[in-house]
N, C-alpha and C. Protein backbone atom coordinates (compact mmCIF):
# COMPACT_ATOMS: atom_id res chain seq x y z
N MET A 1 8.07 11.47 -9.42
CA MET A 1 8.01 12.58 -10.01
C MET A 1 7.99 13.52 -8.98
N MET A 2 7.91 13.34 -7.61
CA MET A 2 8.14 14.35 -6.09
C MET A 2 9.33 14.67 -6.23
N THR A 3 10.38 13.96 -7.10
CA THR A 3 12.25 13.57 -6.23
C THR A 3 12.97 14.10 -7.86
N GLY A 4 12.06 14.33 -8.97
CA GLY A 4 12.79 14.56 -9.70
C GLY A 4 13.71 13.26 -10.80
N LEU A 5 13.65 11.91 -9.84
CA LEU A 5 14.11 10.61 -10.24
C LEU A 5 14.53 10.03 -11.64
N ASN A 6 14.90 9.86 -12.43
CA ASN A 6 14.73 9.46 -13.52
C ASN A 6 14.92 7.96 -13.22
N LEU A 7 13.97 7.19 -12.87
CA LEU A 7 14.13 5.41 -12.99
C LEU A 7 12.89 5.02 -13.94
N VAL A 8 14.21 3.88 -14.28
CA VAL A 8 13.42 2.72 -15.33
C VAL A 8 12.50 1.87 -14.64
N HIS A 9 11.71 1.94 -15.10
CA HIS A 9 10.10 0.72 -14.94
C HIS A 9 10.82 -0.28 -15.59
N VAL A 10 10.96 -1.60 -14.96
CA VAL A 10 11.37 -2.55 -15.57
C VAL A 10 10.05 -3.51 -15.17
N PRO A 11 9.16 -4.31 -15.90
CA PRO A 11 8.10 -4.94 -15.80
C PRO A 11 8.28 -6.40 -15.34
N TYR A 12 7.37 -7.06 -14.20
CA TYR A 12 8.05 -7.90 -14.08
C TYR A 12 5.94 -8.81 -13.96
N ARG A 13 6.44 -10.45 -13.91
CA ARG A 13 5.19 -11.02 -14.20
C ARG A 13 5.17 -11.35 -12.66
N GLY A 14 5.13 -10.57 -11.79
CA GLY A 14 5.07 -10.71 -10.13
C GLY A 14 6.40 -10.13 -9.39
N GLU A 15 5.79 -9.81 -7.92
CA GLU A 15 6.77 -9.74 -6.82
C GLU A 15 7.94 -10.55 -7.57
N ALA A 16 7.50 -12.34 -7.15
CA ALA A 16 8.71 -12.77 -6.78
C ALA A 16 9.92 -12.92 -7.85
N PRO A 17 9.38 -12.82 -8.85
CA PRO A 17 10.35 -12.73 -10.20
C PRO A 17 11.49 -11.57 -9.75
N ALA A 18 10.57 -10.42 -9.47
CA ALA A 18 11.39 -9.28 -9.40
C ALA A 18 12.24 -9.39 -7.80
N LEU A 19 12.02 -9.95 -6.95
CA LEU A 19 12.49 -10.15 -5.57
C LEU A 19 14.09 -11.06 -5.97
N THR A 20 13.81 -12.01 -6.76
CA THR A 20 14.50 -13.26 -7.45
C THR A 20 16.06 -11.70 -7.46
N ASP A 21 15.51 -10.98 -8.99
CA ASP A 21 16.81 -10.01 -9.97
C ASP A 21 17.26 -9.42 -8.52
N ILE A 22 15.92 -8.29 -7.67
CA ILE A 22 16.95 -8.17 -6.42
C ILE A 22 18.32 -8.44 -5.41
N ILE A 23 17.62 -9.47 -5.32
CA ILE A 23 18.38 -10.47 -4.66
C ILE A 23 19.86 -11.01 -5.51
N GLY A 24 19.83 -11.06 -6.42
CA GLY A 24 20.39 -11.79 -7.36
C GLY A 24 21.57 -10.82 -8.73
N GLY A 25 20.95 -9.31 -8.18
CA GLY A 25 22.05 -7.81 -8.10
C GLY A 25 21.46 -7.66 -9.75
N GLN A 26 20.21 -8.60 -10.58
CA GLN A 26 19.85 -7.79 -11.70
C GLN A 26 19.14 -6.40 -11.67
N VAL A 27 18.59 -5.97 -10.49
CA VAL A 27 17.69 -4.83 -10.25
C VAL A 27 18.57 -4.42 -8.98
N GLN A 28 18.67 -3.43 -9.23
CA GLN A 28 19.18 -2.09 -7.70
C GLN A 28 17.92 -1.39 -6.97
N VAL A 29 16.67 -1.22 -7.54
CA VAL A 29 15.95 -0.80 -6.16
C VAL A 29 14.77 -1.99 -7.17
N MET A 30 13.52 -1.58 -5.84
CA MET A 30 12.30 -1.98 -6.45
C MET A 30 11.07 -1.74 -5.12
N PHE A 31 10.11 -1.58 -5.67
CA PHE A 31 9.29 -1.16 -4.12
C PHE A 31 8.13 -2.22 -4.57
N CYS A 32 8.27 -2.85 -2.84
CA CYS A 32 7.74 -4.12 -2.85
C CYS A 32 6.29 -4.13 -1.77
N THR A 33 6.20 -5.31 -1.47
CA THR A 33 5.17 -5.37 -0.46
C THR A 33 5.67 -5.82 0.47
N PRO A 34 5.22 -5.46 1.52
CA PRO A 34 6.19 -6.36 2.97
C PRO A 34 5.75 -7.30 3.02
N LEU A 35 4.64 -8.41 2.83
CA LEU A 35 4.65 -9.69 2.84
C LEU A 35 5.38 -10.40 2.00
N GLY A 36 5.94 -9.44 0.92
CA GLY A 36 6.52 -10.01 -0.02
C GLY A 36 8.11 -10.33 0.25
N SER A 37 8.37 -9.50 1.13
CA SER A 37 9.81 -9.21 1.14
C SER A 37 10.73 -9.19 2.27
N LEU A 38 9.63 -9.51 3.42
CA LEU A 38 9.80 -9.79 5.13
C LEU A 38 10.65 -10.50 4.94
N GLN A 39 10.64 -11.49 4.82
CA GLN A 39 11.56 -12.53 4.81
C GLN A 39 12.72 -12.64 4.13
N TYR A 40 13.05 -12.10 3.13
CA TYR A 40 14.21 -11.29 2.93
C TYR A 40 14.94 -10.52 3.36
N ILE A 41 14.26 -9.73 4.03
CA ILE A 41 14.56 -8.20 4.36
C ILE A 41 15.47 -8.85 6.20
N LYS A 42 14.17 -9.96 6.98
CA LYS A 42 14.89 -10.08 8.05
C LYS A 42 15.99 -11.73 7.90
N THR A 43 16.24 -12.01 7.22
CA THR A 43 17.45 -12.54 6.55
C THR A 43 18.98 -12.17 5.90
N ASP A 44 18.57 -10.58 5.58
CA ASP A 44 19.42 -9.70 5.41
C ASP A 44 19.99 -9.94 3.49
N LYS A 45 18.71 -10.43 2.80
CA LYS A 45 19.06 -11.08 1.35
C LYS A 45 18.82 -9.63 0.53
N VAL A 46 17.78 -8.91 1.19
CA VAL A 46 17.13 -7.01 0.92
C VAL A 46 17.38 -6.17 1.93
N ARG A 47 17.95 -5.26 1.36
CA ARG A 47 17.86 -4.05 2.36
C ARG A 47 16.97 -2.66 2.13
N PRO A 48 16.47 -3.17 3.10
CA PRO A 48 15.18 -1.80 2.98
C PRO A 48 15.92 -0.75 2.97
N LEU A 49 15.30 0.59 2.27
CA LEU A 49 15.80 1.62 2.11
C LEU A 49 15.06 3.07 2.91
N ALA A 50 13.63 2.39 3.19
CA ALA A 50 12.09 3.37 3.49
C ALA A 50 11.05 2.42 3.04
N VAL A 51 10.19 2.77 4.07
CA VAL A 51 9.03 2.55 3.93
C VAL A 51 7.61 3.34 3.39
N THR A 52 6.65 3.42 2.36
CA THR A 52 5.96 4.05 1.80
C THR A 52 4.72 4.79 2.63
N SER A 53 4.41 3.81 3.53
CA SER A 53 3.42 4.42 4.25
C SER A 53 3.61 5.98 4.57
N ALA A 54 2.93 6.38 5.69
CA ALA A 54 3.23 7.54 5.62
C ALA A 54 4.06 7.73 7.29
N ILE A 55 4.00 6.29 8.09
CA ILE A 55 4.58 6.19 9.15
C ILE A 55 5.19 5.19 9.26
N ARG A 56 6.38 5.17 9.67
CA ARG A 56 6.94 3.62 9.98
C ARG A 56 6.30 2.38 10.58
N TRP A 57 6.58 1.28 10.01
CA TRP A 57 6.16 0.32 9.84
C TRP A 57 6.43 -0.53 11.43
N ASP A 58 5.71 -1.38 12.15
CA ASP A 58 5.98 -1.98 13.45
C ASP A 58 6.91 -2.93 13.22
N ASP A 59 6.44 -3.91 12.17
CA ASP A 59 7.78 -4.66 12.23
C ASP A 59 9.40 -4.08 11.73
N LEU A 60 9.29 -2.90 11.00
CA LEU A 60 10.72 -2.21 10.41
C LEU A 60 10.63 -0.93 10.89
N PRO A 61 11.12 -0.75 12.30
CA PRO A 61 10.69 0.53 13.18
C PRO A 61 12.35 1.02 12.90
N ASP A 62 12.67 0.77 12.46
CA ASP A 62 14.11 1.54 12.43
C ASP A 62 14.34 1.74 10.72
N ILE A 63 13.39 1.44 9.83
CA ILE A 63 12.97 1.81 8.42
C ILE A 63 12.87 2.97 8.21
N PRO A 64 12.77 4.32 8.13
CA PRO A 64 12.02 4.98 8.25
C PRO A 64 11.25 5.34 6.68
N PRO A 65 10.10 6.37 7.31
CA PRO A 65 9.09 6.54 5.69
C PRO A 65 10.08 7.34 4.66
N VAL A 66 9.52 7.13 3.34
CA VAL A 66 10.16 7.99 1.92
C VAL A 66 9.82 9.58 2.83
N ALA A 67 8.77 9.58 3.03
CA ALA A 67 8.04 11.18 3.79
C ALA A 67 9.38 11.89 4.42
N ASP A 68 9.79 10.82 5.21
CA ASP A 68 11.15 11.68 6.21
C ASP A 68 12.01 12.27 5.20
N ALA A 69 12.38 11.88 3.71
CA ALA A 69 13.38 12.66 3.00
C ALA A 69 12.79 13.38 1.87
N VAL A 70 10.79 12.76 1.71
CA VAL A 70 10.51 13.22 0.40
C VAL A 70 9.14 13.52 1.40
N PRO A 71 8.70 15.06 2.05
CA PRO A 71 7.69 15.34 2.27
C PRO A 71 6.47 15.69 1.57
N GLY A 72 4.92 14.95 2.42
CA GLY A 72 4.61 14.78 1.26
C GLY A 72 4.03 13.66 0.79
N TYR A 73 4.87 12.44 0.96
CA TYR A 73 5.36 11.24 -0.03
C TYR A 73 4.35 10.27 1.21
N GLU A 74 3.34 9.53 0.39
CA GLU A 74 3.11 8.68 0.95
C GLU A 74 2.22 7.51 0.04
N SER A 75 2.60 6.33 -0.39
CA SER A 75 1.73 5.26 -1.17
C SER A 75 1.66 4.38 -0.34
N SER A 76 0.15 4.31 0.12
CA SER A 76 -0.19 2.46 0.37
C SER A 76 -1.46 2.02 -0.22
N SER A 77 -1.20 0.52 -0.21
CA SER A 77 -2.26 -0.40 -0.79
C SER A 77 -3.26 -0.55 0.42
N TRP A 78 -4.81 -0.48 -0.18
CA TRP A 78 -5.69 -0.83 0.22
C TRP A 78 -6.73 -1.33 -0.14
N GLN A 79 -7.63 -2.19 0.70
CA GLN A 79 -8.46 -2.79 -0.16
C GLN A 79 -9.91 -2.24 0.49
N GLY A 80 -11.36 -2.29 -0.10
CA GLY A 80 -12.44 -1.56 0.16
C GLY A 80 -13.06 -2.84 0.10
N ILE A 81 -14.46 -2.81 0.60
CA ILE A 81 -15.86 -3.41 -0.02
C ILE A 81 -16.95 -2.01 -0.37
N GLY A 82 -17.68 -2.54 -1.74
CA GLY A 82 -18.32 -1.32 -1.90
C GLY A 82 -19.89 -2.49 -2.29
N ALA A 83 -20.72 -1.23 -2.42
CA ALA A 83 -22.03 -2.22 -2.74
C ALA A 83 -22.26 -1.48 -4.19
N PRO A 84 -23.55 -1.88 -4.68
CA PRO A 84 -24.22 -1.57 -6.16
C PRO A 84 -24.86 0.00 -5.69
N ARG A 85 -24.50 0.69 -6.60
CA ARG A 85 -25.32 2.10 -6.83
C ARG A 85 -26.91 1.83 -6.33
N GLY A 86 -27.23 2.81 -4.90
CA GLY A 86 -28.46 2.19 -4.85
C GLY A 86 -29.11 1.29 -4.07
N THR A 87 -28.28 1.24 -3.41
CA THR A 87 -27.74 0.17 -1.70
C THR A 87 -28.70 0.93 -0.91
N PRO A 88 -29.47 0.74 -0.39
CA PRO A 88 -30.28 1.51 0.81
C PRO A 88 -29.33 1.70 1.83
N PRO A 89 -29.72 2.99 2.22
CA PRO A 89 -28.48 3.56 3.18
C PRO A 89 -27.91 2.91 4.29
N ASP A 90 -29.69 2.39 4.88
CA ASP A 90 -29.33 1.55 5.89
C ASP A 90 -28.99 0.03 5.99
N VAL A 91 -28.93 -0.26 4.48
CA VAL A 91 -27.90 -1.48 4.36
C VAL A 91 -26.19 -1.13 4.64
N ILE A 92 -25.98 -0.23 3.67
CA ILE A 92 -24.74 0.27 3.77
C ILE A 92 -24.62 0.50 5.07
N GLY A 93 -24.91 1.04 6.06
CA GLY A 93 -24.69 1.04 7.51
C GLY A 93 -24.52 0.07 7.81
N LEU A 94 -25.57 -0.94 8.13
CA LEU A 94 -25.42 -2.48 8.31
C LEU A 94 -23.89 -3.07 8.39
N LEU A 95 -23.72 -3.34 6.75
CA LEU A 95 -22.90 -3.51 6.32
C LEU A 95 -21.46 -3.25 7.25
N ASN A 96 -20.98 -1.74 7.02
CA ASN A 96 -20.24 -1.45 7.32
C ASN A 96 -20.29 -1.18 9.05
N ARG A 97 -20.88 -1.58 10.08
CA ARG A 97 -20.51 -1.62 11.26
C ARG A 97 -20.40 -3.10 11.39
N GLU A 98 -21.31 -3.85 10.89
CA GLU A 98 -20.66 -5.67 11.08
C GLU A 98 -19.10 -5.76 10.30
N ILE A 99 -18.69 -4.73 9.20
CA ILE A 99 -17.35 -5.24 8.81
C ILE A 99 -16.63 -4.20 9.75
N ASN A 100 -16.59 -3.80 10.18
CA ASN A 100 -15.66 -2.81 11.65
C ASN A 100 -15.75 -3.67 12.89
N LYS A 101 -16.80 -4.13 12.66
CA LYS A 101 -16.71 -5.05 14.14
C LYS A 101 -15.79 -6.43 13.97
N VAL A 102 -15.45 -6.73 13.03
CA VAL A 102 -14.91 -7.61 12.40
C VAL A 102 -13.23 -7.49 12.48
N LEU A 103 -13.46 -6.19 11.88
CA LEU A 103 -11.97 -5.29 11.75
C LEU A 103 -11.01 -5.35 13.18
N ALA A 104 -12.19 -5.11 14.12
CA ALA A 104 -11.36 -4.44 15.61
C ALA A 104 -11.18 -6.01 16.48
N GLU A 105 -11.55 -7.25 15.81
CA GLU A 105 -11.13 -8.33 16.51
C GLU A 105 -10.04 -8.56 16.69
N PRO A 106 -9.41 -8.77 18.17
CA PRO A 106 -7.52 -9.40 18.10
C PRO A 106 -6.81 -9.80 17.54
N SER A 107 -8.23 -11.24 16.80
CA SER A 107 -7.45 -12.32 16.08
C SER A 107 -7.43 -11.60 14.57
N PHE A 108 -8.43 -11.03 13.88
CA PHE A 108 -8.55 -10.21 12.84
C PHE A 108 -7.17 -9.37 12.89
N LYS A 109 -6.81 -8.47 13.55
CA LYS A 109 -5.93 -7.52 13.76
C LYS A 109 -4.28 -8.40 13.53
N THR A 110 -4.70 -9.11 15.02
CA THR A 110 -3.17 -10.69 14.43
C THR A 110 -2.80 -10.95 13.14
N ARG A 111 -3.77 -11.54 12.56
CA ARG A 111 -3.76 -12.22 11.14
C ARG A 111 -3.22 -10.91 9.92
N PHE A 112 -4.07 -9.84 10.10
CA PHE A 112 -3.59 -8.48 9.34
C PHE A 112 -1.97 -8.15 9.38
N ALA A 113 -1.41 -8.06 10.75
CA ALA A 113 -0.36 -7.77 11.20
C ALA A 113 1.22 -8.73 10.56
N GLU A 114 0.57 -10.16 10.55
CA GLU A 114 1.25 -11.74 9.91
C GLU A 114 1.26 -11.36 8.64
N LEU A 115 0.53 -10.67 7.70
CA LEU A 115 0.35 -10.79 6.79
C LEU A 115 0.95 -8.77 6.26
N GLY A 116 1.23 -8.38 7.36
CA GLY A 116 2.33 -6.62 6.60
C GLY A 116 1.41 -5.98 6.57
N THR A 117 0.06 -5.87 7.29
CA THR A 117 -0.78 -4.62 6.63
C THR A 117 -1.56 -4.47 8.29
N SER A 118 -2.84 -4.00 8.59
CA SER A 118 -3.56 -3.39 9.23
C SER A 118 -4.42 -3.40 8.84
N PRO A 119 -6.21 -3.36 9.65
CA PRO A 119 -7.12 -3.30 9.40
C PRO A 119 -7.45 -1.72 9.36
N MET A 120 -8.15 -0.87 8.41
CA MET A 120 -8.33 0.13 8.45
C MET A 120 -10.01 0.43 8.61
N PRO A 121 -10.68 0.59 9.99
CA PRO A 121 -11.98 0.19 9.89
C PRO A 121 -12.55 1.91 9.70
N VAL A 122 -13.36 2.27 8.99
CA VAL A 122 -13.83 3.40 8.72
C VAL A 122 -15.17 3.56 8.28
N THR A 123 -16.25 4.87 8.27
CA THR A 123 -17.24 4.92 7.99
C THR A 123 -17.40 4.94 6.18
N SER A 124 -18.57 4.30 5.89
CA SER A 124 -18.57 4.62 4.26
C SER A 124 -18.34 5.92 3.49
N ARG A 125 -18.46 7.05 4.11
CA ARG A 125 -18.46 8.24 4.23
C ARG A 125 -16.82 8.76 3.95
N GLU A 126 -16.12 8.09 4.96
CA GLU A 126 -14.81 8.33 5.16
C GLU A 126 -13.39 7.24 3.74
N PHE A 127 -15.32 6.17 3.60
CA PHE A 127 -14.08 5.61 2.79
C PHE A 127 -13.97 6.20 1.37
N GLY A 128 -15.45 6.79 1.08
CA GLY A 128 -15.95 7.61 -0.01
C GLY A 128 -15.10 8.94 -0.24
N ALA A 129 -14.45 9.52 1.09
CA ALA A 129 -13.54 10.61 0.86
C ALA A 129 -12.19 10.24 0.41
N LEU A 130 -11.85 8.70 0.83
CA LEU A 130 -10.15 8.12 0.68
C LEU A 130 -10.19 7.60 -1.06
N LEU A 131 -11.55 7.08 -1.19
CA LEU A 131 -11.68 7.09 -2.66
C LEU A 131 -11.08 8.16 -3.71
N ALA A 132 -12.00 8.96 -3.23
CA ALA A 132 -12.08 10.20 -3.92
C ALA A 132 -10.44 11.02 -4.16
N ALA A 133 -9.62 11.26 -2.94
CA ALA A 133 -8.22 11.54 -2.28
C ALA A 133 -7.13 10.56 -3.40
N GLU A 134 -7.41 9.32 -3.56
CA GLU A 134 -6.53 8.65 -4.44
C GLU A 134 -6.98 8.57 -5.61
N THR A 135 -8.52 9.02 -5.95
CA THR A 135 -7.79 8.87 -7.16
C THR A 135 -7.88 10.55 -7.80
N GLU A 136 -7.76 11.19 -7.18
CA GLU A 136 -7.20 12.87 -7.67
C GLU A 136 -5.20 12.76 -7.41
N LYS A 137 -5.03 11.90 -6.25
CA LYS A 137 -3.84 11.95 -6.47
C LYS A 137 -2.97 10.92 -7.18
N TRP A 138 -3.70 10.09 -7.45
CA TRP A 138 -2.86 8.85 -8.72
C TRP A 138 -3.35 9.52 -10.21
N GLY A 139 -4.57 10.38 -10.12
CA GLY A 139 -4.81 10.69 -11.78
C GLY A 139 -3.16 11.78 -11.74
N ARG A 140 -2.87 12.59 -11.25
CA ARG A 140 -1.99 13.82 -11.23
C ARG A 140 -0.72 12.93 -11.26
N VAL A 141 -0.49 11.37 -10.88
CA VAL A 141 0.96 10.51 -10.98
C VAL A 141 0.67 10.20 -12.46
N VAL A 142 -0.30 9.73 -12.99
CA VAL A 142 -0.22 9.18 -14.43
C VAL A 142 -0.39 10.03 -15.54
N LYS A 143 -0.82 11.24 -14.98
CA LYS A 143 -1.02 12.58 -16.05
C LYS A 143 0.97 12.80 -16.46
N ALA A 144 1.25 12.93 -14.70
CA ALA A 144 2.90 13.58 -15.35
C ALA A 144 3.46 12.84 -15.96
N SER A 145 3.07 11.50 -15.60
CA SER A 145 4.01 9.77 -16.29
C SER A 145 3.87 10.15 -18.13
N GLY A 146 2.69 10.96 -18.49
CA GLY A 146 2.89 10.73 -19.68
C GLY A 146 2.08 9.58 -20.01
N ALA A 147 1.34 8.38 -19.49
CA ALA A 147 1.16 7.46 -19.38
C ALA A 147 -0.31 7.25 -20.08
N LYS A 148 -0.35 6.93 -21.60
CA LYS A 148 -1.66 7.07 -22.31
C LYS A 148 -2.09 5.17 -21.90
N PRO A 149 -3.76 5.49 -22.30
CA PRO A 149 -4.65 3.65 -22.61
C PRO A 149 -3.97 3.52 -23.58
N GLY A 150 -4.24 2.16 -23.89
CA GLY A 150 -3.39 1.00 -24.66
C GLY A 150 -4.83 0.71 -25.68
């Protein structure tokens, strides 16, 4: 959408079969996770072109972010923890503080790095803002794609 490229989407039943086809030359380009592709990158079976995060990735410091060529581009996966509507604010605050404590532990950071990611401790308000921004951003992408609910 941001570049005007016309790429053909080829659906796969997971990242592993798609990586097999990249390695075998049946597919020319794919977007994949660091965890799924890093072993192939390190053994020169897959050549990374860019990372989709806003900044360079520590394990691939020589690989630029897409945003270096396409200003404003950023696509990162993230996970969050939610609670039912109506959960008391003091409970939300307690859960947020305790979760962020765990995210700050060195062993947890190390394990996340091994999985090709990093913890993102935020307040519940910051997480709400992230959800709103991501919903708006990806809503524009879906509209531009012309995709319709099935």
